[in-house]
N, C-alpha and C. Protein backbone atom coordinates (compact mmCIF):
# COMPACT_ATOMS: atom_id res chain seq x y z
N MET A 1 30.63 10.04 11.96
CA MET A 1 29.73 9.57 12.99
C MET A 1 29.06 10.72 13.72
N GLU A 2 29.69 11.87 13.68
CA GLU A 2 29.13 13.04 14.35
C GLU A 2 27.77 13.41 13.74
N ASN A 3 27.64 13.24 12.43
CA ASN A 3 26.36 13.53 11.77
C ASN A 3 25.23 12.69 12.35
N TYR A 4 25.50 11.42 12.61
CA TYR A 4 24.48 10.54 13.15
C TYR A 4 24.09 10.95 14.57
N ARG A 5 25.09 11.38 15.34
CA ARG A 5 24.79 11.84 16.70
C ARG A 5 23.87 13.07 16.65
N GLN A 6 24.15 13.98 15.72
CA GLN A 6 23.31 15.18 15.59
C GLN A 6 21.89 14.81 15.17
N ILE A 7 21.77 13.89 14.24
CA ILE A 7 20.44 13.45 13.80
C ILE A 7 19.71 12.78 14.96
N ASN A 8 20.41 11.94 15.71
CA ASN A 8 19.80 11.28 16.87
C ASN A 8 19.33 12.29 17.90
N GLN A 9 20.15 13.32 18.15
CA GLN A 9 19.74 14.36 19.10
C GLN A 9 18.49 15.07 18.60
N LEU A 10 18.49 15.41 17.33
CA LEU A 10 17.36 16.13 16.74
C LEU A 10 16.08 15.32 16.82
N LEU A 11 16.17 14.02 16.55
CA LEU A 11 14.97 13.18 16.47
C LEU A 11 14.73 12.33 17.72
N ASN A 12 15.53 12.53 18.76
CA ASN A 12 15.41 11.69 19.95
C ASN A 12 14.00 11.71 20.55
N ASP A 13 13.35 12.85 20.53
CA ASP A 13 12.01 12.97 21.12
C ASP A 13 10.91 12.97 20.06
N SER A 14 11.24 12.64 18.84
CA SER A 14 10.24 12.61 17.76
C SER A 14 9.18 11.56 18.06
N SER A 15 7.94 11.92 17.82
CA SER A 15 6.86 10.94 17.96
C SER A 15 6.49 10.35 16.60
N PHE A 16 7.17 10.79 15.56
CA PHE A 16 6.88 10.34 14.20
C PHE A 16 7.98 9.42 13.67
N PHE A 17 9.23 9.85 13.81
CA PHE A 17 10.36 9.09 13.26
C PHE A 17 10.97 8.16 14.31
N TYR A 18 11.52 7.06 13.82
CA TYR A 18 12.32 6.15 14.64
C TYR A 18 13.76 6.29 14.17
N THR A 19 14.70 6.34 15.09
CA THR A 19 16.11 6.29 14.72
C THR A 19 16.76 5.18 15.54
N ILE A 20 17.55 4.39 14.85
CA ILE A 20 18.25 3.28 15.50
C ILE A 20 19.64 3.14 14.89
N SER A 21 20.52 2.53 15.65
CA SER A 21 21.83 2.12 15.12
C SER A 21 22.02 0.67 15.51
N ILE A 22 22.51 -0.08 14.56
CA ILE A 22 22.78 -1.50 14.79
C ILE A 22 24.28 -1.70 14.59
N GLY A 23 24.93 -2.25 15.60
CA GLY A 23 26.38 -2.45 15.54
C GLY A 23 26.76 -3.62 14.65
N ILE A 24 28.05 -3.77 14.46
CA ILE A 24 28.59 -4.86 13.65
C ILE A 24 28.17 -6.22 14.21
N ASP A 25 27.91 -6.27 15.51
CA ASP A 25 27.50 -7.52 16.15
C ASP A 25 26.00 -7.80 16.00
N SER A 26 25.30 -7.00 15.19
CA SER A 26 23.85 -7.13 14.93
C SER A 26 22.98 -6.77 16.13
N MET A 27 23.56 -6.10 17.11
CA MET A 27 22.82 -5.67 18.30
C MET A 27 22.50 -4.18 18.20
N TYR A 28 21.36 -3.81 18.79
CA TYR A 28 21.02 -2.38 18.84
C TYR A 28 22.03 -1.66 19.73
N CYS A 29 22.70 -0.64 19.17
CA CYS A 29 23.61 0.17 19.98
C CYS A 29 23.03 1.56 20.23
N TYR A 30 21.93 1.88 19.56
CA TYR A 30 21.17 3.10 19.85
C TYR A 30 19.72 2.85 19.43
N VAL A 31 18.78 3.27 20.26
CA VAL A 31 17.36 3.25 19.90
C VAL A 31 16.73 4.53 20.42
N SER A 32 15.99 5.22 19.56
CA SER A 32 15.30 6.42 20.00
C SER A 32 14.16 6.04 20.94
N LYS A 33 13.70 7.02 21.72
CA LYS A 33 12.60 6.77 22.66
C LYS A 33 11.37 6.23 21.94
N ASN A 34 11.04 6.84 20.81
CA ASN A 34 9.84 6.44 20.07
C ASN A 34 9.95 4.99 19.60
N TYR A 35 11.10 4.61 19.11
CA TYR A 35 11.31 3.23 18.66
C TYR A 35 11.20 2.27 19.83
N ASP A 36 11.88 2.59 20.91
CA ASP A 36 11.86 1.72 22.09
C ASP A 36 10.43 1.58 22.63
N ASN A 37 9.71 2.70 22.72
CA ASN A 37 8.34 2.66 23.24
C ASN A 37 7.41 1.83 22.37
N ASN A 38 7.61 1.88 21.07
CA ASN A 38 6.70 1.18 20.15
C ASN A 38 7.04 -0.30 19.97
N PHE A 39 8.29 -0.67 20.10
CA PHE A 39 8.68 -2.02 19.72
C PHE A 39 9.38 -2.84 20.79
N LYS A 40 9.57 -2.30 21.99
CA LYS A 40 10.29 -3.06 23.01
C LYS A 40 9.49 -4.26 23.51
N LEU A 41 8.17 -4.19 23.41
CA LEU A 41 7.27 -5.26 23.85
C LEU A 41 7.62 -5.68 25.26
N ASN A 42 7.98 -6.92 25.47
CA ASN A 42 8.31 -7.40 26.81
C ASN A 42 9.82 -7.45 27.04
N HIS A 43 10.56 -6.76 26.22
CA HIS A 43 12.02 -6.85 26.27
C HIS A 43 12.65 -5.78 27.16
N GLY A 44 11.88 -4.94 27.84
CA GLY A 44 12.47 -3.79 28.53
C GLY A 44 12.91 -2.83 27.45
N THR A 45 14.16 -2.46 27.44
CA THR A 45 14.67 -1.65 26.33
C THR A 45 15.23 -2.58 25.26
N LEU A 46 15.27 -2.08 24.06
CA LEU A 46 15.85 -2.86 22.96
C LEU A 46 17.37 -2.70 22.88
N LEU A 47 17.89 -1.72 23.57
CA LEU A 47 19.33 -1.47 23.56
C LEU A 47 20.08 -2.73 23.98
N GLY A 48 21.01 -3.17 23.14
CA GLY A 48 21.79 -4.37 23.41
C GLY A 48 21.14 -5.66 22.93
N LYS A 49 19.92 -5.58 22.41
CA LYS A 49 19.22 -6.77 21.91
C LYS A 49 19.53 -6.97 20.42
N HIS A 50 19.38 -8.20 19.95
CA HIS A 50 19.59 -8.51 18.54
C HIS A 50 18.50 -7.81 17.72
N PHE A 51 18.89 -7.26 16.56
CA PHE A 51 17.94 -6.50 15.75
C PHE A 51 16.70 -7.29 15.35
N SER A 52 16.80 -8.60 15.29
CA SER A 52 15.70 -9.43 14.78
C SER A 52 14.52 -9.55 15.74
N VAL A 53 14.68 -9.15 17.02
CA VAL A 53 13.59 -9.35 17.99
C VAL A 53 12.34 -8.54 17.64
N THR A 54 12.49 -7.49 16.86
CA THR A 54 11.34 -6.64 16.52
C THR A 54 10.71 -7.00 15.18
N LEU A 55 11.37 -7.85 14.41
CA LEU A 55 10.98 -8.07 13.01
C LEU A 55 10.06 -9.26 12.80
N HIS A 56 9.27 -9.15 11.74
CA HIS A 56 8.55 -10.31 11.21
C HIS A 56 9.64 -11.30 10.77
N PRO A 57 9.47 -12.58 11.06
CA PRO A 57 10.53 -13.56 10.72
C PRO A 57 10.97 -13.52 9.25
N GLU A 58 10.04 -13.26 8.35
CA GLU A 58 10.40 -13.23 6.92
C GLU A 58 11.24 -12.01 6.55
N ASP A 59 11.21 -10.98 7.40
CA ASP A 59 11.94 -9.75 7.08
C ASP A 59 13.37 -9.74 7.62
N VAL A 60 13.73 -10.71 8.42
CA VAL A 60 15.10 -10.77 8.96
C VAL A 60 16.10 -10.91 7.82
N ALA A 61 15.82 -11.78 6.86
CA ALA A 61 16.73 -11.98 5.72
C ALA A 61 16.86 -10.70 4.89
N ILE A 62 15.76 -9.95 4.78
CA ILE A 62 15.81 -8.67 4.04
C ILE A 62 16.81 -7.75 4.71
N CYS A 63 16.73 -7.63 6.04
CA CYS A 63 17.65 -6.77 6.78
C CYS A 63 19.10 -7.22 6.62
N GLU A 64 19.32 -8.51 6.68
CA GLU A 64 20.69 -9.03 6.54
C GLU A 64 21.25 -8.68 5.16
N THR A 65 20.44 -8.87 4.13
CA THR A 65 20.87 -8.56 2.77
C THR A 65 21.14 -7.06 2.60
N LEU A 66 20.21 -6.24 3.10
CA LEU A 66 20.37 -4.79 2.94
C LEU A 66 21.50 -4.25 3.81
N GLY A 67 21.72 -4.88 4.97
CA GLY A 67 22.85 -4.48 5.81
C GLY A 67 24.17 -4.68 5.09
N ALA A 68 24.32 -5.82 4.42
CA ALA A 68 25.53 -6.07 3.64
C ALA A 68 25.65 -5.06 2.50
N LYS A 69 24.52 -4.71 1.90
CA LYS A 69 24.52 -3.74 0.80
C LYS A 69 24.97 -2.36 1.29
N CYS A 70 24.59 -2.01 2.53
CA CYS A 70 25.01 -0.72 3.10
C CYS A 70 26.54 -0.61 3.13
N PHE A 71 27.20 -1.71 3.48
CA PHE A 71 28.66 -1.68 3.56
C PHE A 71 29.32 -1.79 2.19
N SER A 72 28.66 -2.42 1.24
CA SER A 72 29.24 -2.52 -0.10
C SER A 72 29.00 -1.24 -0.91
N GLU A 73 28.05 -0.42 -0.45
CA GLU A 73 27.76 0.86 -1.12
C GLU A 73 27.78 1.98 -0.09
N PRO A 74 28.94 2.25 0.52
CA PRO A 74 29.00 3.26 1.58
C PRO A 74 28.58 4.64 1.06
N GLY A 75 27.91 5.38 1.93
CA GLY A 75 27.46 6.71 1.56
C GLY A 75 26.10 6.73 0.90
N LYS A 76 25.61 5.57 0.52
CA LYS A 76 24.31 5.49 -0.16
C LYS A 76 23.22 5.12 0.85
N LEU A 77 22.06 5.77 0.73
CA LEU A 77 20.91 5.41 1.55
C LEU A 77 20.21 4.22 0.91
N ILE A 78 19.98 3.20 1.69
CA ILE A 78 19.33 1.97 1.21
C ILE A 78 17.92 1.92 1.79
N PRO A 79 16.88 1.88 0.94
CA PRO A 79 15.50 1.85 1.44
C PRO A 79 15.05 0.43 1.78
N ALA A 80 14.10 0.35 2.71
CA ALA A 80 13.53 -0.95 3.08
C ALA A 80 12.13 -0.74 3.65
N THR A 81 11.25 -1.67 3.33
CA THR A 81 9.93 -1.72 3.95
C THR A 81 9.92 -2.99 4.80
N LEU A 82 9.69 -2.81 6.10
CA LEU A 82 9.80 -3.92 7.05
C LEU A 82 8.59 -3.99 7.97
N ARG A 83 8.23 -5.20 8.33
CA ARG A 83 7.14 -5.41 9.29
C ARG A 83 7.74 -5.60 10.68
N LYS A 84 7.14 -4.88 11.64
CA LYS A 84 7.59 -4.95 13.03
C LYS A 84 6.44 -5.44 13.90
N HIS A 85 6.76 -6.17 14.97
CA HIS A 85 5.74 -6.63 15.92
C HIS A 85 4.99 -5.43 16.50
N ASP A 86 3.66 -5.55 16.60
CA ASP A 86 2.87 -4.45 17.17
C ASP A 86 2.53 -4.66 18.65
N GLY A 87 2.94 -5.78 19.22
CA GLY A 87 2.65 -6.05 20.62
C GLY A 87 1.28 -6.65 20.86
N LYS A 88 0.52 -6.84 19.79
CA LYS A 88 -0.84 -7.39 19.91
C LYS A 88 -1.00 -8.65 19.07
N GLY A 89 0.11 -9.23 18.68
CA GLY A 89 0.06 -10.44 17.86
C GLY A 89 0.09 -10.17 16.37
N GLY A 90 0.13 -8.91 16.00
CA GLY A 90 0.18 -8.54 14.59
C GLY A 90 1.46 -7.77 14.28
N PHE A 91 1.42 -7.07 13.16
CA PHE A 91 2.60 -6.33 12.72
C PHE A 91 2.18 -4.97 12.19
N VAL A 92 3.08 -4.00 12.30
CA VAL A 92 2.92 -2.72 11.64
C VAL A 92 3.93 -2.68 10.50
N THR A 93 3.61 -1.94 9.47
CA THR A 93 4.51 -1.80 8.33
C THR A 93 5.29 -0.51 8.49
N THR A 94 6.59 -0.61 8.35
CA THR A 94 7.46 0.56 8.52
C THR A 94 8.32 0.76 7.28
N GLN A 95 8.65 2.01 7.02
CA GLN A 95 9.51 2.37 5.90
C GLN A 95 10.81 2.91 6.48
N TRP A 96 11.93 2.47 5.93
CA TRP A 96 13.25 2.82 6.46
C TRP A 96 14.19 3.28 5.36
N GLU A 97 15.17 4.08 5.78
CA GLU A 97 16.37 4.30 4.98
C GLU A 97 17.54 4.06 5.92
N MET A 98 18.54 3.37 5.39
CA MET A 98 19.67 3.00 6.24
C MET A 98 20.98 3.26 5.51
N GLN A 99 22.01 3.47 6.32
CA GLN A 99 23.33 3.75 5.75
C GLN A 99 24.40 3.25 6.72
N ALA A 100 25.44 2.68 6.17
CA ALA A 100 26.55 2.22 6.99
C ALA A 100 27.32 3.42 7.54
N TYR A 101 27.87 3.25 8.72
CA TYR A 101 28.78 4.27 9.24
C TYR A 101 30.07 3.57 9.69
N PHE A 102 31.13 4.36 9.75
CA PHE A 102 32.47 3.81 9.96
C PHE A 102 33.14 4.52 11.14
N ASP A 103 34.08 3.82 11.78
CA ASP A 103 34.79 4.43 12.91
C ASP A 103 35.88 5.37 12.37
N ASP A 104 36.62 5.97 13.29
CA ASP A 104 37.65 6.95 12.91
C ASP A 104 38.77 6.35 12.06
N ASN A 105 38.92 5.03 12.10
CA ASN A 105 39.94 4.36 11.30
C ASN A 105 39.39 3.87 9.96
N GLY A 106 38.13 4.21 9.68
CA GLY A 106 37.53 3.80 8.41
C GLY A 106 36.99 2.38 8.42
N GLN A 107 36.94 1.78 9.60
CA GLN A 107 36.43 0.41 9.70
C GLN A 107 34.91 0.43 9.92
N PRO A 108 34.20 -0.54 9.37
CA PRO A 108 32.74 -0.58 9.57
C PRO A 108 32.39 -0.59 11.06
N ALA A 109 31.44 0.28 11.45
CA ALA A 109 31.05 0.37 12.86
C ALA A 109 29.59 -0.03 13.07
N GLY A 110 28.78 0.14 12.05
CA GLY A 110 27.37 -0.21 12.21
C GLY A 110 26.51 0.38 11.10
N ILE A 111 25.24 0.31 11.33
CA ILE A 111 24.28 0.84 10.36
C ILE A 111 23.32 1.76 11.09
N PHE A 112 23.17 2.97 10.55
CA PHE A 112 22.22 3.93 11.09
C PHE A 112 20.94 3.84 10.26
N CYS A 113 19.80 3.84 10.94
CA CYS A 113 18.52 3.70 10.26
C CYS A 113 17.54 4.76 10.75
N ILE A 114 16.78 5.31 9.83
CA ILE A 114 15.69 6.22 10.19
C ILE A 114 14.43 5.68 9.51
N GLY A 115 13.35 5.61 10.28
CA GLY A 115 12.13 5.03 9.72
C GLY A 115 10.88 5.64 10.32
N TYR A 116 9.75 5.20 9.80
CA TYR A 116 8.46 5.66 10.31
C TYR A 116 7.40 4.63 9.95
N ASN A 117 6.28 4.72 10.62
CA ASN A 117 5.17 3.78 10.46
C ASN A 117 4.36 4.15 9.22
N ILE A 118 4.20 3.20 8.30
CA ILE A 118 3.38 3.45 7.10
C ILE A 118 2.16 2.54 7.05
N SER A 119 1.79 1.97 8.19
CA SER A 119 0.65 1.03 8.22
C SER A 119 -0.63 1.67 7.71
N GLU A 120 -0.88 2.92 8.11
CA GLU A 120 -2.10 3.60 7.67
C GLU A 120 -2.08 3.79 6.16
N PHE A 121 -0.93 4.18 5.63
CA PHE A 121 -0.79 4.34 4.18
C PHE A 121 -1.04 3.02 3.46
N VAL A 122 -0.44 1.94 3.97
CA VAL A 122 -0.60 0.61 3.36
C VAL A 122 -2.06 0.18 3.41
N SER A 123 -2.72 0.42 4.55
CA SER A 123 -4.13 0.07 4.69
C SER A 123 -4.99 0.85 3.69
N THR A 124 -4.72 2.14 3.57
CA THR A 124 -5.46 2.99 2.62
C THR A 124 -5.21 2.52 1.20
N GLN A 125 -3.96 2.18 0.88
CA GLN A 125 -3.63 1.69 -0.46
C GLN A 125 -4.38 0.40 -0.76
N ASN A 126 -4.45 -0.49 0.23
CA ASN A 126 -5.19 -1.75 0.04
C ASN A 126 -6.67 -1.49 -0.18
N GLN A 127 -7.23 -0.52 0.56
CA GLN A 127 -8.64 -0.17 0.37
C GLN A 127 -8.88 0.41 -1.02
N LEU A 128 -7.95 1.25 -1.47
CA LEU A 128 -8.07 1.82 -2.82
C LEU A 128 -7.97 0.74 -3.89
N ASP A 129 -7.04 -0.19 -3.70
CA ASP A 129 -6.91 -1.31 -4.64
C ASP A 129 -8.19 -2.13 -4.69
N SER A 130 -8.77 -2.37 -3.52
CA SER A 130 -10.02 -3.14 -3.45
C SER A 130 -11.15 -2.39 -4.14
N ALA A 131 -11.24 -1.08 -3.90
CA ALA A 131 -12.28 -0.27 -4.53
C ALA A 131 -12.10 -0.26 -6.05
N HIS A 132 -10.84 -0.20 -6.50
CA HIS A 132 -10.57 -0.22 -7.94
C HIS A 132 -11.02 -1.55 -8.55
N THR A 133 -10.75 -2.64 -7.85
CA THR A 133 -11.18 -3.96 -8.33
C THR A 133 -12.70 -4.03 -8.40
N GLN A 134 -13.37 -3.47 -7.39
CA GLN A 134 -14.83 -3.45 -7.40
C GLN A 134 -15.37 -2.62 -8.56
N LEU A 135 -14.72 -1.48 -8.82
CA LEU A 135 -15.14 -0.65 -9.96
C LEU A 135 -14.96 -1.39 -11.28
N ASP A 136 -13.85 -2.10 -11.41
CA ASP A 136 -13.63 -2.90 -12.62
C ASP A 136 -14.73 -3.95 -12.79
N THR A 137 -15.09 -4.60 -11.69
CA THR A 137 -16.14 -5.63 -11.73
C THR A 137 -17.47 -5.01 -12.11
N ILE A 138 -17.79 -3.88 -11.49
CA ILE A 138 -19.05 -3.19 -11.81
C ILE A 138 -19.06 -2.76 -13.27
N GLY A 139 -17.93 -2.22 -13.73
CA GLY A 139 -17.84 -1.81 -15.14
C GLY A 139 -18.05 -2.98 -16.08
N PHE A 140 -17.47 -4.13 -15.75
CA PHE A 140 -17.64 -5.32 -16.59
C PHE A 140 -19.10 -5.77 -16.59
N ILE A 141 -19.70 -5.82 -15.40
CA ILE A 141 -21.11 -6.25 -15.30
C ILE A 141 -22.00 -5.32 -16.11
N GLN A 142 -21.77 -4.01 -15.97
CA GLN A 142 -22.61 -3.06 -16.69
C GLN A 142 -22.41 -3.17 -18.20
N SER A 143 -21.17 -3.27 -18.62
CA SER A 143 -20.93 -3.25 -20.07
C SER A 143 -21.26 -4.56 -20.75
N HIS A 144 -21.25 -5.66 -20.02
CA HIS A 144 -21.50 -6.95 -20.66
C HIS A 144 -22.81 -7.59 -20.22
N MET A 145 -23.02 -7.67 -18.94
CA MET A 145 -24.17 -8.42 -18.45
C MET A 145 -25.46 -7.60 -18.46
N VAL A 146 -25.39 -6.30 -18.24
CA VAL A 146 -26.60 -5.47 -18.24
C VAL A 146 -26.96 -5.05 -19.66
N ARG A 147 -25.97 -4.72 -20.46
CA ARG A 147 -26.25 -4.22 -21.80
C ARG A 147 -26.80 -5.31 -22.72
N LYS A 148 -26.46 -6.56 -22.49
CA LYS A 148 -26.97 -7.64 -23.35
C LYS A 148 -28.50 -7.73 -23.30
N PRO A 149 -29.12 -7.83 -22.12
CA PRO A 149 -30.59 -7.87 -22.10
C PRO A 149 -31.20 -6.57 -22.61
N LEU A 150 -30.50 -5.47 -22.40
CA LEU A 150 -31.00 -4.19 -22.89
C LEU A 150 -31.01 -4.17 -24.42
N ALA A 151 -29.97 -4.71 -25.04
CA ALA A 151 -29.93 -4.82 -26.50
C ALA A 151 -31.05 -5.73 -26.99
N ASN A 152 -31.34 -6.78 -26.23
CA ASN A 152 -32.46 -7.68 -26.59
C ASN A 152 -33.79 -6.93 -26.54
N ILE A 153 -33.98 -6.08 -25.53
CA ILE A 153 -35.22 -5.30 -25.42
C ILE A 153 -35.36 -4.37 -26.62
N ILE A 154 -34.26 -3.72 -27.00
CA ILE A 154 -34.29 -2.83 -28.17
C ILE A 154 -34.66 -3.62 -29.42
N GLY A 155 -34.02 -4.77 -29.61
CA GLY A 155 -34.31 -5.62 -30.77
C GLY A 155 -35.75 -6.11 -30.78
N LEU A 156 -36.25 -6.54 -29.62
CA LEU A 156 -37.63 -7.02 -29.53
C LEU A 156 -38.64 -5.91 -29.81
N SER A 157 -38.35 -4.70 -29.32
CA SER A 157 -39.28 -3.59 -29.59
C SER A 157 -39.32 -3.27 -31.08
N ASP A 158 -38.17 -3.36 -31.77
CA ASP A 158 -38.15 -3.17 -33.23
C ASP A 158 -38.96 -4.27 -33.93
N LEU A 159 -38.76 -5.50 -33.49
CA LEU A 159 -39.45 -6.65 -34.08
C LEU A 159 -40.96 -6.55 -33.90
N ILE A 160 -41.40 -6.22 -32.70
CA ILE A 160 -42.84 -6.09 -32.43
C ILE A 160 -43.42 -4.95 -33.26
N SER A 161 -42.68 -3.84 -33.32
CA SER A 161 -43.15 -2.67 -34.07
C SER A 161 -43.32 -2.99 -35.55
N GLU A 162 -42.41 -3.80 -36.12
CA GLU A 162 -42.47 -4.17 -37.53
C GLU A 162 -43.62 -5.12 -37.83
N HIS A 163 -44.03 -5.93 -36.85
CA HIS A 163 -45.03 -6.96 -37.10
C HIS A 163 -46.41 -6.63 -36.52
N THR A 164 -46.66 -5.39 -36.29
CA THR A 164 -47.99 -5.01 -35.79
C THR A 164 -48.59 -3.94 -36.67
N ASN A 165 -49.91 -3.93 -36.70
CA ASN A 165 -50.64 -2.90 -37.43
C ASN A 165 -51.28 -1.92 -36.46
N ASP A 166 -51.08 -2.17 -35.18
CA ASP A 166 -51.70 -1.34 -34.14
C ASP A 166 -50.79 -0.15 -33.84
N ASN A 167 -51.31 1.08 -34.11
CA ASN A 167 -50.53 2.31 -33.89
C ASN A 167 -50.12 2.48 -32.43
N ALA A 168 -50.98 2.11 -31.51
CA ALA A 168 -50.68 2.26 -30.08
C ALA A 168 -49.50 1.37 -29.69
N VAL A 169 -49.48 0.14 -30.21
CA VAL A 169 -48.38 -0.78 -29.92
C VAL A 169 -47.09 -0.25 -30.54
N THR A 170 -47.17 0.28 -31.76
CA THR A 170 -46.00 0.84 -32.43
C THR A 170 -45.43 2.01 -31.63
N GLN A 171 -46.30 2.90 -31.14
CA GLN A 171 -45.84 4.04 -30.33
C GLN A 171 -45.20 3.55 -29.02
N LEU A 172 -45.81 2.57 -28.38
CA LEU A 172 -45.24 2.01 -27.14
C LEU A 172 -43.85 1.40 -27.42
N CYS A 173 -43.73 0.72 -28.54
CA CYS A 173 -42.44 0.12 -28.91
C CYS A 173 -41.38 1.20 -29.15
N GLN A 174 -41.78 2.30 -29.79
CA GLN A 174 -40.84 3.40 -30.03
C GLN A 174 -40.40 4.05 -28.71
N MET A 175 -41.36 4.24 -27.78
CA MET A 175 -41.02 4.81 -26.47
C MET A 175 -40.11 3.84 -25.69
N LEU A 176 -40.42 2.55 -25.76
CA LEU A 176 -39.60 1.54 -25.10
C LEU A 176 -38.18 1.53 -25.68
N LYS A 177 -38.09 1.62 -27.00
CA LYS A 177 -36.78 1.64 -27.66
C LYS A 177 -36.00 2.90 -27.27
N GLN A 178 -36.67 4.06 -27.26
CA GLN A 178 -36.00 5.31 -26.90
C GLN A 178 -35.49 5.26 -25.46
N SER A 179 -36.32 4.80 -24.54
CA SER A 179 -35.90 4.69 -23.14
C SER A 179 -34.75 3.70 -22.99
N SER A 180 -34.81 2.59 -23.71
CA SER A 180 -33.74 1.59 -23.65
C SER A 180 -32.43 2.15 -24.19
N GLU A 181 -32.50 2.91 -25.28
CA GLU A 181 -31.29 3.52 -25.84
C GLU A 181 -30.69 4.56 -24.89
N GLU A 182 -31.57 5.33 -24.21
CA GLU A 182 -31.08 6.30 -23.23
C GLU A 182 -30.38 5.58 -22.07
N LEU A 183 -31.00 4.50 -21.60
CA LEU A 183 -30.40 3.71 -20.52
C LEU A 183 -29.07 3.10 -20.98
N ASP A 184 -29.03 2.62 -22.21
CA ASP A 184 -27.80 2.04 -22.76
C ASP A 184 -26.69 3.09 -22.79
N SER A 185 -27.03 4.32 -23.17
CA SER A 185 -26.06 5.40 -23.22
C SER A 185 -25.53 5.72 -21.81
N ILE A 186 -26.42 5.73 -20.83
CA ILE A 186 -26.01 5.98 -19.44
C ILE A 186 -25.05 4.88 -18.98
N ILE A 187 -25.39 3.64 -19.27
CA ILE A 187 -24.54 2.51 -18.87
C ILE A 187 -23.16 2.60 -19.53
N LYS A 188 -23.13 2.98 -20.81
CA LYS A 188 -21.84 3.14 -21.50
C LYS A 188 -20.99 4.21 -20.81
N ASN A 189 -21.62 5.33 -20.46
CA ASN A 189 -20.89 6.43 -19.81
C ASN A 189 -20.36 6.01 -18.43
N ILE A 190 -21.19 5.29 -17.67
CA ILE A 190 -20.74 4.81 -16.36
C ILE A 190 -19.56 3.85 -16.53
N SER A 191 -19.65 2.96 -17.52
CA SER A 191 -18.57 2.00 -17.77
C SER A 191 -17.28 2.72 -18.16
N LYS A 192 -17.40 3.77 -18.99
CA LYS A 192 -16.22 4.55 -19.37
C LYS A 192 -15.58 5.19 -18.15
N GLU A 193 -16.42 5.76 -17.27
CA GLU A 193 -15.90 6.39 -16.05
C GLU A 193 -15.21 5.37 -15.16
N ALA A 194 -15.81 4.19 -15.04
CA ALA A 194 -15.24 3.15 -14.18
C ALA A 194 -13.88 2.69 -14.71
N THR A 195 -13.73 2.59 -16.02
CA THR A 195 -12.45 2.13 -16.59
C THR A 195 -11.41 3.24 -16.60
N ARG A 196 -11.84 4.50 -16.56
CA ARG A 196 -10.90 5.62 -16.52
C ARG A 196 -10.21 5.73 -15.17
N GLN A 197 -10.85 5.28 -14.12
CA GLN A 197 -10.29 5.39 -12.78
C GLN A 197 -9.10 4.50 -12.70
């Protein structure tokens, strides 16, 4: 338990990490200043409150399951991603590692947790996923919907060129075909780049 006290002392004033301990009774028995400031909402301090007051309702069961796992696998760090109330009607996403700790007699005493806010990371990941989906859509449109009429233009220019005796029309058809093939090549390259991402 001394290790946890040292970690708590080290991170007590951290503005990045949260450290908490939850007792066997499921109540907060230690909360760092940063955690209390961010999640106490209208509760005053969280010290002595049930751990679930800060959680998204769907994440309470996750904590209960992982808490039991901490005691069945002592010494192992158990990871968790949990949503916490933000005080504005929404939630922030937090990443945690937790481990059971025991009293001097070897009896379960609680769970020590260290975590931090990953909402910005999650938001950025969602934006990247959305951009990737948009690139896939653009790639599909370019490779299928744009290239089809372009292939028709190339075919029509060949057809017109074959059925005319006018040199000027034949030259125009060849220039049209060349420009269409160049555009087709550009579209293929853009589509390849979009699918490579």
